[in-house]
Protein backbone atom coordinates (compact mmCIF):
# COMPACT_ATOMS: atom_id res chain seq x y z
CA MET A 1 -0.07 0.10 0.06
CA TYR A 2 2.11 2.70 -1.39
CA ASP A 3 -0.28 5.45 -2.33
CA ILE A 4 -3.80 5.32 -2.82
CA GLY A 5 -4.39 2.32 -0.45
CA ILE A 6 -3.11 3.85 2.70
CA TYR A 7 -5.80 6.64 2.62
CA GLY A 8 -8.48 4.11 2.98
CA LEU A 9 -6.78 2.08 5.43
CA ASN A 10 -6.01 5.20 7.61
CA THR A 11 -9.66 6.28 7.54
CA SER A 12 -10.89 2.91 8.95
CA LEU A 13 -8.48 3.06 11.77
CA MET A 14 -9.46 6.51 12.63
CA MET A 15 -12.98 5.67 12.60
CA LEU A 16 -12.64 2.87 15.08
CA PRO A 17 -10.10 4.62 17.31
CA ARG A 18 -10.25 2.10 20.48
CA ASP A 19 -10.69 -1.04 18.31
CA GLU A 20 -7.75 -3.57 17.15
CA VAL A 21 -6.84 -5.00 13.98
CA VAL A 22 -6.84 -8.90 14.16
CA SER A 23 -6.31 -9.77 10.48
CA VAL A 24 -5.85 -7.99 7.01
CA SER A 25 -6.03 -9.15 3.53
CA ALA A 26 -5.59 -7.19 0.35
CA LEU A 27 -5.22 -7.25 -3.38
CA ASP A 28 -3.86 -4.74 -5.70
CA SER A 29 -4.44 -4.26 -9.42
CA THR A 30 -2.28 -2.29 -11.72
CA PRO A 31 -2.87 -1.92 -15.45
CA ALA A 32 -0.12 -3.94 -17.34
CA GLY A 33 2.48 -1.68 -18.98
CA ASP A 34 1.01 1.56 -17.73
CA ALA A 35 3.97 3.86 -16.65
CA ARG A 36 1.73 6.10 -14.38
CA PHE A 37 1.67 3.00 -11.98
CA LYS A 38 5.53 2.05 -12.30
CA GLU A 39 5.97 3.15 -8.64
CA VAL A 40 2.59 3.09 -7.16
CA GLU A 41 -0.58 0.56 -7.20
CA GLY A 42 -3.30 1.46 -9.68
CA GLY A 43 -6.13 0.04 -7.19
CA LEU A 44 -6.26 -1.53 -4.04
CA GLU A 45 -9.16 -3.73 -2.36
CA TRP A 46 -8.61 -4.63 1.41
CA ARG A 47 -10.51 -6.04 4.34
CA LEU A 48 -9.96 -5.63 8.25
CA ARG A 49 -11.25 -7.82 10.97
CA MET A 50 -11.37 -6.12 14.30
CA LYS A 51 -11.19 -7.51 17.86
CA SER A 52 -14.70 -6.17 18.24
CA GLY A 53 -15.97 -8.22 15.58
CA ILE A 54 -16.53 -5.44 13.02
CA THR A 55 -15.47 -6.08 9.47
CA VAL A 56 -14.26 -3.32 7.21
CA ALA A 57 -14.02 -3.56 3.73
CA GLY A 58 -12.78 -0.93 1.23
CA SER A 59 -11.36 -0.21 -2.25
CA SER A 60 -9.61 2.63 -3.69
CA SER A 61 -8.18 3.21 -7.35
CA TYR A 62 -6.64 5.75 -9.55
CA CYS A 63 -7.12 3.24 -12.57
CA TRP A 64 -10.50 2.04 -12.37
CA SER A 65 -13.37 3.91 -14.03
CA PRO A 66 -14.92 5.79 -12.58
CA TYR A 67 -12.72 6.57 -9.72
CA VAL A 68 -13.43 4.50 -6.68
CA SER A 69 -13.02 5.38 -3.09
CA ARG A 70 -15.35 3.34 -0.83
CA GLN A 71 -15.76 1.52 2.45
CA ARG A 72 -18.32 -0.62 4.23
CA TYR A 73 -18.15 -1.37 7.89
CA PHE A 74 -20.28 -4.49 9.07
CA GLY A 75 -21.50 -5.09 12.57
CA ALA A 76 -23.92 -7.30 14.26
CA LYS A 77 -26.60 -4.82 14.23
CA GLY A 78 -26.10 -2.71 11.11
CA SER A 79 -23.55 -1.51 8.48
CA ILE A 80 -22.24 1.91 7.40
CA GLY A 81 -21.40 2.42 3.84
CA MET A 82 -18.96 5.48 2.72
CA GLN A 83 -19.04 6.11 -1.02
CA PRO A 84 -16.96 8.42 -1.72
CA ALA A 85 -14.83 7.58 1.38
CA THR A 86 -11.50 9.40 1.02
CA THR A 87 -11.93 12.25 -1.42
CA TYR A 88 -11.29 15.95 -0.48
CA TYR A 89 -15.07 16.83 -0.49
CA ASP A 90 -18.56 15.17 -0.88
CA ASN A 91 -17.74 12.02 1.29
CA ARG A 92 -21.12 10.45 2.13
CA ILE A 93 -21.91 8.14 5.15
CA VAL A 94 -25.15 5.85 5.02
CA LEU A 95 -26.12 3.90 8.10
CA GLU A 96 -28.24 0.66 7.44
CA GLY A 97 -29.89 -1.14 10.21
CA ALA A 98 -29.50 -0.12 13.82
CA GLY A 99 -31.95 2.65 13.27
CA GLY A 100 -30.55 4.07 10.12
CA GLY A 101 -32.89 5.25 7.47
CA GLY A 102 -30.40 4.69 4.90
CA GLU A 103 -29.81 8.07 4.06
CA GLY A 104 -26.57 9.99 3.35
CA VAL A 105 -25.42 11.98 6.60
CA ARG A 106 -22.58 13.79 8.21
CA PRO A 107 -22.23 12.19 11.50
CA LYS A 108 -21.76 13.98 14.79
CA CYS A 109 -19.63 11.36 16.38
CA GLN A 110 -17.68 11.20 19.67
CA ASN A 111 -15.79 8.29 20.94
CA ASN A 112 -16.58 5.94 18.38
CA ALA A 113 -20.53 6.30 19.22
CA PHE A 114 -21.51 6.15 15.46
CA PHE A 115 -19.98 2.78 15.26
CA SER A 116 -21.20 0.94 18.36
CA MET A 117 -23.30 -1.54 16.42
CA ARG A 118 -21.88 -4.47 18.30
């Protein structure tokens, strides 16, 4: 994760500040022969399993069309989707289950309260 993948991973760790990662998996994708991606990955898909039981899946890419930046947090009582997740503007969070109406929100959260879906 040299470039674009690190932004999504960092966002996930910031959104779950008191949780711990217990497993990580990732796949990178780079167009063959594309000089733009000689030193960095073109796209990355990843998954984190947290100690709390929450699973976070995300993907980011400079080479997929359209540009991709998304994350989904899966908990026992609901899930949270972010798409786009790590752009400079218009990031969107949708809560499904756990009382969420499935509409995009800009959460006012402290101490991981928005993610207490365990």
